[in-house]
Each structure stands twice: as C-alpha cells, then as structure tokens.
Amino acid sequence: MTPAGTWGRRLTRAAASAALAVVMLATTAAASSADGTQVDGLSGFTQGNVAVDGGTVHYVKGGSGPALLLLHGWPETWEMWRAVMPDLARKHTVIALDLPGLGTSSIPSGGYDKVTTAHRARQAVRALGHTKVGIIGHDLGVLVAYPYARDFPAEVSKLVMVESPLSGFGLEDLYGVSFHFRFNSSPAPIPERIMDNEDVPTYLGMIFDFSFRKDAIKRDTYYAAYASPARRTAGYEYYRAFAADAVNNQANAARRLAMPVAAVGGQYSFGPGVAASFNQVADDVRTVVAPDAGHFVPEENPGFLSGCALLFFGPTGTTPGPGLSDCAP
C-alpha cells in the first residue's frame, strides 16, 4: 500500500470510528436514564439500572403477573425482545436485561463465566422485587439461564431455551460451522487487534445472516451497541469462558433440571438440536421447532415465540392454537 493509501485508510477508519461512536453515545444516553424512564416505542415499559456484584445491570420492565426474565444473545442486547415483549406483558411482568458488559450495563472487570453471570442476573431480579421467574433465553442467554435454573431450582418455574445447545453438551460441535466461535474465544488481544470499529458491520452482518428473514434484524441498533471496543471485549470474554463453562456443566450434570424446558430451534437453524442438548441435563424437555426462522427466532417469528411462551408458561389444560401443540404446558 502506498503512503497515500495508508493515510486514506487511517482517515476512513477514523471517520467510521467517529460515526459509530456518535451513534453509540446517543443510544447509551437514551438507555441509561434514571429508574422509571419510559422506553421509546414500548408503551407501559420503563427502564433503569440495578446494582449487582461488579457493577450495574440495565433492565427494561413492564406488564403484570408472574415474572418472565428475558436474557439476550450475542451480538445483541435487550432490544432483540422488542417484538415479543408487548404480547408477553399481557399475562406477565416482563423483565429484559442487558447482560453485564453488554448493551448499557456496566462492564465488570471479570466474571464472564455463566455461573457468575447467572448469579448477577438473579441479583438484578431480586433487586426488582421478584423471587421466582420463568426464563426465556436466546443464544448466550441460554448458557446463562441453565446455571440459574440448576443452582436455584426453587426460583425458576420453567425455561424456554432458544437456539443454543449447552457448553459441554453439544455447543462445541458447532465450532466448525462458523469461525466466530474460535475467533471470539481467542486470547486477548488477538480479536481486539484484528477487529476495528469500521469492521463491526461486516463481522456482525455475517452473524445476522444466520437468519432466514434477514430483513427482520435491526442491524444498525446492534452495530451501534458494539461500536465500543470495550463492549466487544466483554462479548469476547463470554466466549473465552466457554471452556470453563463446559467443565462446570459436565461436573454438575447429575443435578438434573426438574422444571419443564421448551427447547426451541429455528426451522432453518438448530431445529431439534437444542432439545438434544437439554435432554442430557433435564428430565422434562419439549422439542419445539420455530417455523420460518433461522437463528434469531424472537425477531424473525415473534408471533410464534410469544404465542408459544404464553401457552407454555400458562395454565395446564389450555388448548393450543394452530402450530403450538409442542408448546403446551
């Protein structure tokens, strides 16, 4: 590359970094408001922050009834649940968290293993006045929900686990499917040095292309959320803990989950594979395949997921609607 080309690339990177930073600052300012602030575009939902070990966690809360905790995946934030939250709030108190280090939660110095993360999520739930929840997790959120339910079984009614097998029970089989597993889990500072701000849309865009309905993902929202190198490092740290998570999961697999688990895979993604993983650690697993969806089920087919969850967390004896028989309680 010529010197002129080098400076041109540096200027391009600087401009892209500045643009992404401006968007992220605007997003952060909107989402980190004082407790009780209304959430734009979600009538009846408020947001705030609660203290947990290592920092604070950002939450969005609305509705009434038995509590449902929503745990997002990577590379997303609580925003991935927007399309399902209003329906769920008709019957439940809905609590969507930004996982520690992600979204607008504070960035802890350590503790990205899923046991520690689950304990922090539990602290947030209890700070919000709830002692028992049903949990819906997607992707990384599945990996957090499992130790939450395993370590505090009396505090979790049921689980809806969307689009991830567990570490130690099938997740490793996917490492050859996409290079991002090994890239994200590489020791620091390998991904940090390789991934620049201007690369975020290209890299995350590849991940979002694991969807079937590619137009359903609000990509710019997540590009902004991961514009900060510190946020990207937090995401990598969750992946760097996968090996330790697998050891912990296998060592505690005899403590099988007794609560019902709806294991949801997208029709064009994991399908029944989520159930195959959870059958190794739980006694009551329902295999659910979400139609017309790839990896990002809550955004690609929110009507199916909310209908399935309302049925699954609802009273026994409810007649399933069309296509929801596998979600029956």
Foldseek 3Di string as FASTA:
>chain_A
DDPVVVVVVVVVLVVLLVVLQVLLVVQLVLQADDFPCDDPPQPFKTKYWDDFPQFIKIKIKGAAAAEEEEAEAPPDFLVLQSVQVVLLRPHHIYIYIGFALFDNTDHGPDDLQLLSSLRRVCVVCVVVPAQAYEYEYAHLRLQNVVNNCLVCVVRYAEYEYAFAFYQLQPRVVCCVVDVVLVLLQPDPPRNLVVDGLVCLCVVVVVVCVLKLPSVLDPSSNSSSRPSDSSSSNSVSNNSNCSVVSSVVCVVRLVSAREHAYEYEAEPSECQQVRQSRNVSRYDHYFRHYQYQIGRSCCRRPVVLVSLLVCQQPDDAPDDRDPRNPSSHD
